[in-house]
Amino acid sequence: MLKRKYGERPNWTRILQRKNAQTFLETDEFTGYITLLQMNQLTEPLIVHYAQRDVCIADEGYLWLQQFPADQHHSVTTMFNAEGNIVQWYIDICHRNGWEDRKPRWDDLYVDIILFPSGEMLVQDADEFENAYLTGVIDRELYELAWNEVRVIKSLIHKEEFALVNLAGYHQDLLLGFLK
Protein backbone atom coordinates (compact mmCIF):
# COMPACT_ATOMS: atom_id res chain seq x y z
CA MET A 1 0.00 0.00 0.00
CA LEU A 2 1.26 3.46 -0.89
CA LYS A 3 1.93 6.03 1.80
CA ARG A 4 -0.68 8.79 1.69
CA LYS A 5 0.71 12.12 2.88
CA TYR A 6 -1.04 15.39 3.59
CA GLY A 7 0.09 18.93 2.85
CA GLU A 8 -0.77 20.36 6.25
CA ARG A 9 1.37 17.69 7.96
CA PRO A 10 -1.04 17.32 10.88
CA ASN A 11 0.94 14.64 12.73
CA TRP A 12 4.28 16.43 12.75
CA THR A 13 4.77 16.79 16.49
CA ARG A 14 8.11 18.59 16.11
CA ILE A 15 6.13 21.77 15.36
CA LEU A 16 4.57 23.26 18.49
CA GLN A 17 3.22 26.45 16.91
CA ARG A 18 2.42 26.90 13.25
CA LYS A 19 0.39 28.83 10.75
CA ASN A 20 -0.95 27.33 7.55
CA ALA A 21 -2.38 28.83 4.39
CA GLN A 22 -3.57 27.21 1.20
CA THR A 23 -5.43 27.98 -1.99
CA PHE A 24 -6.36 26.40 -5.28
CA LEU A 25 -4.91 28.12 -8.35
CA GLU A 26 -5.89 27.81 -11.97
CA THR A 27 -3.57 29.87 -14.14
CA ASP A 28 -1.74 29.40 -17.44
CA GLU A 29 1.40 28.35 -15.54
CA PHE A 30 -0.09 26.20 -12.76
CA THR A 31 -3.28 24.40 -11.81
CA GLY A 32 -3.53 22.77 -8.41
CA TYR A 33 -3.24 23.45 -4.71
CA ILE A 34 -0.45 25.40 -3.05
CA THR A 35 0.12 25.41 0.71
CA LEU A 36 2.41 27.31 3.05
CA LEU A 37 3.51 26.07 6.46
CA GLN A 38 5.07 28.67 8.74
CA MET A 39 7.03 27.13 11.61
CA ASN A 40 6.87 29.40 14.65
CA GLN A 41 7.99 27.10 17.47
CA LEU A 42 9.63 23.67 17.24
CA THR A 43 10.81 21.11 19.77
CA GLU A 44 14.13 21.10 17.88
CA PRO A 45 15.48 21.91 14.42
CA LEU A 46 15.42 19.22 11.75
CA ILE A 47 18.86 18.66 10.26
CA VAL A 48 19.27 16.04 7.54
CA HIS A 49 22.51 14.51 6.29
CA TYR A 50 23.04 14.27 2.52
CA ALA A 51 26.22 12.77 1.16
CA GLN A 52 28.85 15.21 2.42
CA ARG A 53 26.69 17.84 4.11
CA ASP A 54 24.24 18.50 6.91
CA VAL A 55 21.29 20.72 5.98
CA CYS A 56 18.82 22.33 8.36
CA ILE A 57 15.41 22.05 6.68
CA ALA A 58 13.11 22.99 9.57
CA ASP A 59 13.55 25.51 12.36
CA GLU A 60 11.76 28.46 13.88
CA GLY A 61 10.91 31.00 11.20
CA TYR A 62 11.21 28.49 8.34
CA LEU A 63 8.54 28.27 5.65
CA TRP A 64 7.60 25.25 3.57
CA LEU A 65 5.78 25.98 0.34
CA GLN A 66 4.15 22.93 -1.20
CA GLN A 67 2.87 22.78 -4.77
CA PHE A 68 0.47 20.03 -5.81
CA PRO A 69 0.00 20.27 -9.58
CA ALA A 70 -3.19 18.67 -10.86
CA ASP A 71 -2.80 15.61 -13.09
CA GLN A 72 0.93 15.29 -12.39
CA HIS A 73 3.04 12.61 -10.72
CA HIS A 74 5.02 14.88 -8.42
CA SER A 75 4.65 17.52 -5.75
CA VAL A 76 7.28 20.04 -4.72
CA THR A 77 8.19 21.38 -1.28
CA THR A 78 10.33 24.50 -1.35
CA MET A 79 12.02 25.02 2.01
CA PHE A 80 12.85 28.62 2.96
CA ASN A 81 15.04 29.46 5.96
CA ALA A 82 14.20 32.22 8.47
CA GLU A 83 15.96 34.79 6.25
CA GLY A 84 13.73 33.85 3.30
CA ASN A 85 16.46 32.05 1.34
CA ILE A 86 15.70 28.75 -0.36
CA VAL A 87 17.40 25.85 1.40
CA GLN A 88 16.23 23.18 -1.07
CA TRP A 89 13.44 21.95 -3.28
CA TYR A 90 12.17 18.50 -2.33
CA ILE A 91 10.35 16.82 -5.20
CA ASP A 92 8.16 13.91 -4.18
CA ILE A 93 7.41 11.46 -6.95
CA CYS A 94 3.84 10.26 -6.50
CA HIS A 95 1.15 8.16 -8.07
CA ARG A 96 -1.21 11.11 -7.94
CA ASN A 97 -1.95 14.34 -6.16
CA GLY A 98 -5.43 14.86 -4.85
CA TRP A 99 -7.46 16.50 -2.13
CA GLU A 100 -9.78 15.38 0.60
CA ASP A 101 -12.09 17.89 2.25
CA ARG A 102 -10.24 20.63 0.31
CA LYS A 103 -6.93 19.52 1.80
CA PRO A 104 -4.15 18.51 -0.59
CA ARG A 105 -2.51 15.11 -0.36
CA TRP A 106 -0.34 12.79 -2.42
CA ASP A 107 0.22 9.06 -2.75
CA ASP A 108 3.96 8.77 -2.31
CA LEU A 109 6.05 6.53 -4.56
CA TYR A 110 9.04 6.68 -2.19
CA VAL A 111 11.69 8.01 -4.58
CA ASP A 112 12.43 11.75 -4.42
CA ILE A 113 14.60 14.38 -6.04
CA ILE A 114 16.38 17.01 -3.97
CA LEU A 115 17.53 20.15 -5.71
CA PHE A 116 19.80 22.69 -4.04
CA PRO A 117 20.06 26.36 -5.06
CA SER A 118 23.58 25.57 -6.33
CA GLY A 119 22.03 23.31 -8.98
CA GLU A 120 23.25 20.13 -7.31
CA MET A 121 20.67 17.39 -7.52
CA LEU A 122 20.24 14.13 -5.57
CA VAL A 123 17.90 11.20 -6.07
CA GLN A 124 16.78 10.19 -2.59
CA ASP A 125 15.28 6.97 -1.20
CA ALA A 126 15.86 4.90 -4.33
CA ASP A 127 16.64 1.91 -2.08
CA GLU A 128 13.28 2.26 -0.31
CA PHE A 129 11.59 2.54 -3.71
CA GLU A 130 13.34 -0.58 -5.04
CA ASN A 131 12.38 -2.49 -1.89
CA ALA A 132 8.73 -1.44 -2.33
CA TYR A 133 8.82 -2.87 -5.84
CA LEU A 134 10.59 -6.10 -4.86
CA THR A 135 8.13 -6.74 -2.01
CA GLY A 136 5.05 -6.04 -4.13
CA VAL A 137 4.03 -2.76 -2.49
CA ILE A 138 4.13 -1.17 -5.93
CA ASP A 139 3.63 -2.94 -9.24
CA ARG A 140 5.60 -2.75 -12.49
CA GLU A 141 3.39 0.02 -13.89
CA LEU A 142 3.98 2.32 -10.90
CA TYR A 143 7.67 1.39 -10.87
CA GLU A 144 8.08 2.49 -14.48
CA LEU A 145 5.89 5.57 -13.97
CA ALA A 146 8.09 6.73 -11.08
CA TRP A 147 11.42 6.23 -12.85
CA ASN A 148 10.07 7.95 -15.96
CA GLU A 149 8.93 10.91 -13.82
CA VAL A 150 12.41 11.13 -12.25
CA ARG A 151 14.02 11.17 -15.71
CA VAL A 152 11.63 13.82 -17.06
CA ILE A 153 12.01 16.13 -14.04
CA LYS A 154 15.80 15.82 -14.00
CA SER A 155 15.88 16.70 -17.69
CA LEU A 156 13.61 19.72 -17.16
CA ILE A 157 15.77 20.90 -14.26
CA HIS A 158 18.95 20.58 -16.35
CA LYS A 159 17.30 22.67 -19.08
CA GLU A 160 16.03 25.15 -16.43
CA GLU A 161 12.46 24.44 -17.56
CA PHE A 162 10.97 22.90 -14.41
CA ALA A 163 8.25 25.51 -13.84
CA LEU A 164 7.54 24.84 -10.15
CA VAL A 165 11.05 25.89 -9.17
CA ASN A 166 10.55 29.20 -10.95
CA LEU A 167 7.06 29.72 -9.47
CA ALA A 168 8.12 29.11 -5.85
CA GLY A 169 8.78 32.75 -4.96
CA TYR A 170 5.52 33.94 -6.53
CA HIS A 171 3.50 31.20 -4.79
CA GLN A 172 5.19 31.96 -1.46
CA ASP A 173 4.37 35.67 -1.74
CA LEU A 174 0.78 34.87 -2.63
CA LEU A 175 0.27 32.68 0.44
CA LEU A 176 2.15 34.95 2.86
CA GLY A 177 -0.74 37.37 2.44
CA PHE A 178 -3.09 34.72 3.86
CA LEU A 179 -0.95 34.17 6.97
CA LYS A 180 -1.27 37.76 8.27
C-alpha atoms as a PDB file:
ATOM      1  CA  MET A   1       0.000   0.000   0.000  1.00  0.00           C
ATOM      2  CA  LEU A   2       1.264   3.459  -0.892  1.00  0.00           C
ATOM      3  CA  LYS A   3       1.929   6.028   1.798  1.00  0.00           C
ATOM      4  CA  ARG A   4      -0.685   8.787   1.685  1.00  0.00           C
ATOM      5  CA  LYS A   5       0.713  12.117   2.877  1.00  0.00           C
ATOM      6  CA  TYR A   6      -1.042  15.393   3.588  1.00  0.00           C
ATOM      7  CA  GLY A   7       0.089  18.934   2.848  1.00  0.00           C
ATOM      8  CA  GLU A   8      -0.767  20.359   6.249  1.00  0.00           C
ATOM      9  CA  ARG A   9       1.374  17.691   7.958  1.00  0.00           C
ATOM     10  CA  PRO A  10      -1.043  17.324  10.881  1.00  0.00           C
ATOM     11  CA  ASN A  11       0.939  14.645  12.727  1.00  0.00           C
ATOM     12  CA  TRP A  12       4.284  16.435  12.747  1.00  0.00           C
ATOM     13  CA  THR A  13       4.771  16.791  16.491  1.00  0.00           C
ATOM     14  CA  ARG A  14       8.108  18.594  16.114  1.00  0.00           C
ATOM     15  CA  ILE A  15       6.133  21.768  15.357  1.00  0.00           C
ATOM     16  CA  LEU A  16       4.571  23.257  18.490  1.00  0.00           C
ATOM     17  CA  GLN A  17       3.218  26.454  16.912  1.00  0.00           C
ATOM     18  CA  ARG A  18       2.423  26.903  13.247  1.00  0.00           C
ATOM     19  CA  LYS A  19       0.389  28.831  10.751  1.00  0.00           C
ATOM     20  CA  ASN A  20      -0.953  27.334   7.550  1.00  0.00           C
ATOM     21  CA  ALA A  21      -2.377  28.830   4.389  1.00  0.00           C
ATOM     22  CA  GLN A  22      -3.571  27.210   1.199  1.00  0.00           C
ATOM     23  CA  THR A  23      -5.428  27.980  -1.988  1.00  0.00           C
ATOM     24  CA  PHE A  24      -6.358  26.399  -5.276  1.00  0.00           C
ATOM     25  CA  LEU A  25      -4.912  28.115  -8.350  1.00  0.00           C
ATOM     26  CA  GLU A  26      -5.894  27.812 -11.966  1.00  0.00           C
ATOM     27  CA  THR A  27      -3.566  29.874 -14.142  1.00  0.00           C
ATOM     28  CA  ASP A  28      -1.742  29.404 -17.437  1.00  0.00           C
ATOM     29  CA  GLU A  29       1.397  28.350 -15.535  1.00  0.00           C
ATOM     30  CA  PHE A  30      -0.089  26.205 -12.758  1.00  0.00           C
ATOM     31  CA  THR A  31      -3.281  24.399 -11.812  1.00  0.00           C
ATOM     32  CA  GLY A  32      -3.527  22.774  -8.406  1.00  0.00           C
ATOM     33  CA  TYR A  33      -3.244  23.453  -4.707  1.00  0.00           C
ATOM     34  CA  ILE A  34      -0.452  25.396  -3.046  1.00  0.00           C
ATOM     35  CA  THR A  35       0.117  25.411   0.706  1.00  0.00           C
ATOM     36  CA  LEU A  36       2.406  27.306   3.049  1.00  0.00           C
ATOM     37  CA  LEU A  37       3.506  26.071   6.457  1.00  0.00           C
ATOM     38  CA  GLN A  38       5.066  28.675   8.744  1.00  0.00           C
ATOM     39  CA  MET A  39       7.027  27.134  11.614  1.00  0.00           C
ATOM     40  CA  ASN A  40       6.871  29.396  14.651  1.00  0.00           C
ATOM     41  CA  GLN A  41       7.987  27.097  17.467  1.00  0.00           C
ATOM     42  CA  LEU A  42       9.630  23.666  17.245  1.00  0.00           C
ATOM     43  CA  THR A  43      10.808  21.114  19.767  1.00  0.00           C
ATOM     44  CA  GLU A  44      14.132  21.099  17.879  1.00  0.00           C
ATOM     45  CA  PRO A  45      15.475  21.913  14.417  1.00  0.00           C
ATOM     46  CA  LEU A  46      15.424  19.215  11.746  1.00  0.00           C
ATOM     47  CA  ILE A  47      18.862  18.658  10.258  1.00  0.00           C
ATOM     48  CA  VAL A  48      19.275  16.037   7.542  1.00  0.00           C
ATOM     49  CA  HIS A  49      22.506  14.508   6.285  1.00  0.00           C
ATOM     50  CA  TYR A  50      23.040  14.273   2.525  1.00  0.00           C
ATOM     51  CA  ALA A  51      26.224  12.766   1.164  1.00  0.00           C
ATOM     52  CA  GLN A  52      28.852  15.214   2.418  1.00  0.00           C
ATOM     53  CA  ARG A  53      26.690  17.843   4.112  1.00  0.00           C
ATOM     54  CA  ASP A  54      24.240  18.503   6.912  1.00  0.00           C
ATOM     55  CA  VAL A  55      21.286  20.715   5.979  1.00  0.00           C
ATOM     56  CA  CYS A  56      18.824  22.333   8.362  1.00  0.00           C
ATOM     57  CA  ILE A  57      15.408  22.047   6.676  1.00  0.00           C
ATOM     58  CA  ALA A  58      13.114  22.987   9.567  1.00  0.00           C
ATOM     59  CA  ASP A  59      13.553  25.507  12.357  1.00  0.00           C
ATOM     60  CA  GLU A  60      11.757  28.457  13.876  1.00  0.00           C
ATOM     61  CA  GLY A  61      10.909  30.998  11.200  1.00  0.00           C
ATOM     62  CA  TYR A  62      11.215  28.491   8.338  1.00  0.00           C
ATOM     63  CA  LEU A  63       8.544  28.273   5.651  1.00  0.00           C
ATOM     64  CA  TRP A  64       7.602  25.254   3.569  1.00  0.00           C
ATOM     65  CA  LEU A  65       5.779  25.978   0.339  1.00  0.00           C
ATOM     66  CA  GLN A  66       4.145  22.926  -1.196  1.00  0.00           C
ATOM     67  CA  GLN A  67       2.866  22.777  -4.767  1.00  0.00           C
ATOM     68  CA  PHE A  68       0.467  20.027  -5.809  1.00  0.00           C
ATOM     69  CA  PRO A  69       0.004  20.274  -9.579  1.00  0.00           C
ATOM     70  CA  ALA A  70      -3.193  18.673 -10.862  1.00  0.00           C
ATOM     71  CA  ASP A  71      -2.796  15.614 -13.091  1.00  0.00           C
ATOM     72  CA  GLN A  72       0.928  15.286 -12.386  1.00  0.00           C
ATOM     73  CA  HIS A  73       3.041  12.614 -10.715  1.00  0.00           C
ATOM     74  CA  HIS A  74       5.018  14.882  -8.419  1.00  0.00           C
ATOM     75  CA  SER A  75       4.654  17.524  -5.748  1.00  0.00           C
ATOM     76  CA  VAL A  76       7.276  20.045  -4.717  1.00  0.00           C
ATOM     77  CA  THR A  77       8.190  21.376  -1.284  1.00  0.00           C
ATOM     78  CA  THR A  78      10.331  24.505  -1.348  1.00  0.00           C
ATOM     79  CA  MET A  79      12.017  25.020   2.005  1.00  0.00           C
ATOM     80  CA  PHE A  80      12.847  28.615   2.960  1.00  0.00           C
ATOM     81  CA  ASN A  81      15.037  29.459   5.958  1.00  0.00           C
ATOM     82  CA  ALA A  82      14.204  32.218   8.467  1.00  0.00           C
ATOM     83  CA  GLU A  83      15.963  34.786   6.254  1.00  0.00           C
ATOM     84  CA  GLY A  84      13.734  33.847   3.299  1.00  0.00           C
ATOM     85  CA  ASN A  85      16.459  32.049   1.339  1.00  0.00           C
ATOM     86  CA  ILE A  86      15.701  28.749  -0.361  1.00  0.00           C
ATOM     87  CA  VAL A  87      17.395  25.845   1.400  1.00  0.00           C
ATOM     88  CA  GLN A  88      16.233  23.179  -1.065  1.00  0.00           C
ATOM     89  CA  TRP A  89      13.444  21.954  -3.282  1.00  0.00           C
ATOM     90  CA  TYR A  90      12.173  18.497  -2.331  1.00  0.00           C
ATOM     91  CA  ILE A  91      10.346  16.824  -5.198  1.00  0.00           C
ATOM     92  CA  ASP A  92       8.162  13.906  -4.182  1.00  0.00           C
ATOM     93  CA  ILE A  93       7.409  11.456  -6.948  1.00  0.00           C
ATOM     94  CA  CYS A  94       3.843  10.255  -6.499  1.00  0.00           C
ATOM     95  CA  HIS A  95       1.149   8.156  -8.074  1.00  0.00           C
ATOM     96  CA  ARG A  96      -1.210  11.107  -7.944  1.00  0.00           C
ATOM     97  CA  ASN A  97      -1.952  14.340  -6.161  1.00  0.00           C
ATOM     98  CA  GLY A  98      -5.428  14.864  -4.849  1.00  0.00           C
ATOM     99  CA  TRP A  99      -7.459  16.499  -2.133  1.00  0.00           C
ATOM    100  CA  GLU A 100      -9.782  15.375   0.598  1.00  0.00           C
ATOM    101  CA  ASP A 101     -12.094  17.895   2.247  1.00  0.00           C
ATOM    102  CA  ARG A 102     -10.240  20.627   0.307  1.00  0.00           C
ATOM    103  CA  LYS A 103      -6.928  19.524   1.802  1.00  0.00           C
ATOM    104  CA  PRO A 104      -4.148  18.508  -0.591  1.00  0.00           C
ATOM    105  CA  ARG A 105      -2.510  15.110  -0.361  1.00  0.00           C
ATOM    106  CA  TRP A 106      -0.336  12.791  -2.423  1.00  0.00           C
ATOM    107  CA  ASP A 107       0.215   9.057  -2.749  1.00  0.00           C
ATOM    108  CA  ASP A 108       3.962   8.774  -2.310  1.00  0.00           C
ATOM    109  CA  LEU A 109       6.050   6.531  -4.555  1.00  0.00           C
ATOM    110  CA  TYR A 110       9.040   6.683  -2.189  1.00  0.00           C
ATOM    111  CA  VAL A 111      11.694   8.008  -4.578  1.00  0.00           C
ATOM    112  CA  ASP A 112      12.430  11.747  -4.423  1.00  0.00           C
ATOM    113  CA  ILE A 113      14.604  14.378  -6.044  1.00  0.00           C
ATOM    114  CA  ILE A 114      16.377  17.008  -3.966  1.00  0.00           C
ATOM    115  CA  LEU A 115      17.533  20.154  -5.714  1.00  0.00           C
ATOM    116  CA  PHE A 116      19.796  22.692  -4.037  1.00  0.00           C
ATOM    117  CA  PRO A 117      20.063  26.362  -5.056  1.00  0.00           C
ATOM    118  CA  SER A 118      23.577  25.575  -6.331  1.00  0.00           C
ATOM    119  CA  GLY A 119      22.025  23.312  -8.977  1.00  0.00           C
ATOM    120  CA  GLU A 120      23.253  20.130  -7.313  1.00  0.00           C
ATOM    121  CA  MET A 121      20.666  17.385  -7.516  1.00  0.00           C
ATOM    122  CA  LEU A 122      20.243  14.132  -5.571  1.00  0.00           C
ATOM    123  CA  VAL A 123      17.902  11.199  -6.073  1.00  0.00           C
ATOM    124  CA  GLN A 124      16.781  10.187  -2.590  1.00  0.00           C
ATOM    125  CA  ASP A 125      15.276   6.974  -1.197  1.00  0.00           C
ATOM    126  CA  ALA A 126      15.855   4.900  -4.329  1.00  0.00           C
ATOM    127  CA  ASP A 127      16.641   1.911  -2.083  1.00  0.00           C
ATOM    128  CA  GLU A 128      13.279   2.259  -0.305  1.00  0.00           C
ATOM    129  CA  PHE A 129      11.592   2.541  -3.709  1.00  0.00           C
ATOM    130  CA  GLU A 130      13.342  -0.578  -5.038  1.00  0.00           C
ATOM    131  CA  ASN A 131      12.377  -2.489  -1.895  1.00  0.00           C
ATOM    132  CA  ALA A 132       8.726  -1.438  -2.327  1.00  0.00           C
ATOM    133  CA  TYR A 133       8.817  -2.867  -5.839  1.00  0.00           C
ATOM    134  CA  LEU A 134      10.593  -6.098  -4.855  1.00  0.00           C
ATOM    135  CA  THR A 135       8.134  -6.740  -2.008  1.00  0.00           C
ATOM    136  CA  GLY A 136       5.051  -6.039  -4.128  1.00  0.00           C
ATOM    137  CA  VAL A 137       4.034  -2.759  -2.490  1.00  0.00           C
ATOM    138  CA  ILE A 138       4.133  -1.168  -5.935  1.00  0.00           C
ATOM    139  CA  ASP A 139       3.633  -2.942  -9.245  1.00  0.00           C
ATOM    140  CA  ARG A 140       5.602  -2.752 -12.486  1.00  0.00           C
ATOM    141  CA  GLU A 141       3.389   0.015 -13.887  1.00  0.00           C
ATOM    142  CA  LEU A 142       3.983   2.319 -10.897  1.00  0.00           C
ATOM    143  CA  TYR A 143       7.674   1.394 -10.870  1.00  0.00           C
ATOM    144  CA  GLU A 144       8.075   2.486 -14.480  1.00  0.00           C
ATOM    145  CA  LEU A 145       5.894   5.571 -13.970  1.00  0.00           C
ATOM    146  CA  ALA A 146       8.087   6.735 -11.085  1.00  0.00           C
ATOM    147  CA  TRP A 147      11.424   6.231 -12.848  1.00  0.00           C
ATOM    148  CA  ASN A 148      10.073   7.952 -15.958  1.00  0.00           C
ATOM    149  CA  GLU A 149       8.931  10.906 -13.823  1.00  0.00           C
ATOM    150  CA  VAL A 150      12.407  11.125 -12.249  1.00  0.00           C
ATOM    151  CA  ARG A 151      14.022  11.171 -15.709  1.00  0.00           C
ATOM    152  CA  VAL A 152      11.633  13.818 -17.056  1.00  0.00           C
ATOM    153  CA  ILE A 153      12.012  16.127 -14.036  1.00  0.00           C
ATOM    154  CA  LYS A 154      15.799  15.823 -13.997  1.00  0.00           C
ATOM    155  CA  SER A 155      15.877  16.705 -17.686  1.00  0.00           C
ATOM    156  CA  LEU A 156      13.610  19.725 -17.159  1.00  0.00           C
ATOM    157  CA  ILE A 157      15.774  20.897 -14.259  1.00  0.00           C
ATOM    158  CA  HIS A 158      18.949  20.582 -16.354  1.00  0.00           C
ATOM    159  CA  LYS A 159      17.299  22.671 -19.080  1.00  0.00           C
ATOM    160  CA  GLU A 160      16.027  25.153 -16.428  1.00  0.00           C
ATOM    161  CA  GLU A 161      12.462  24.436 -17.556  1.00  0.00           C
ATOM    162  CA  PHE A 162      10.966  22.902 -14.410  1.00  0.00           C
ATOM    163  CA  ALA A 163       8.254  25.506 -13.838  1.00  0.00           C
ATOM    164  CA  LEU A 164       7.542  24.836 -10.154  1.00  0.00           C
ATOM    165  CA  VAL A 165      11.055  25.892  -9.171  1.00  0.00           C
ATOM    166  CA  ASN A 166      10.546  29.204 -10.954  1.00  0.00           C
ATOM    167  CA  LEU A 167       7.064  29.724  -9.470  1.00  0.00           C
ATOM    168  CA  ALA A 168       8.118  29.106  -5.849  1.00  0.00           C
ATOM    169  CA  GLY A 169       8.778  32.745  -4.958  1.00  0.00           C
ATOM    170  CA  TYR A 170       5.524  33.937  -6.529  1.00  0.00           C
ATOM    171  CA  HIS A 171       3.502  31.204  -4.786  1.00  0.00           C
ATOM    172  CA  GLN A 172       5.188  31.960  -1.464  1.00  0.00           C
ATOM    173  CA  ASP A 173       4.373  35.672  -1.745  1.00  0.00           C
ATOM    174  CA  LEU A 174       0.782  34.874  -2.633  1.00  0.00           C
ATOM    175  CA  LEU A 175       0.268  32.680   0.445  1.00  0.00           C
ATOM    176  CA  LEU A 176       2.153  34.951   2.855  1.00  0.00           C
ATOM    177  CA  GLY A 177      -0.735  37.372   2.444  1.00  0.00           C
ATOM    178  CA  PHE A 178      -3.095  34.717   3.862  1.00  0.00           C
ATOM    179  CA  LEU A 179      -0.948  34.175   6.971  1.00  0.00           C
ATOM    180  CA  LYS A 180      -1.268  37.756   8.270  1.00  0.00           C
END
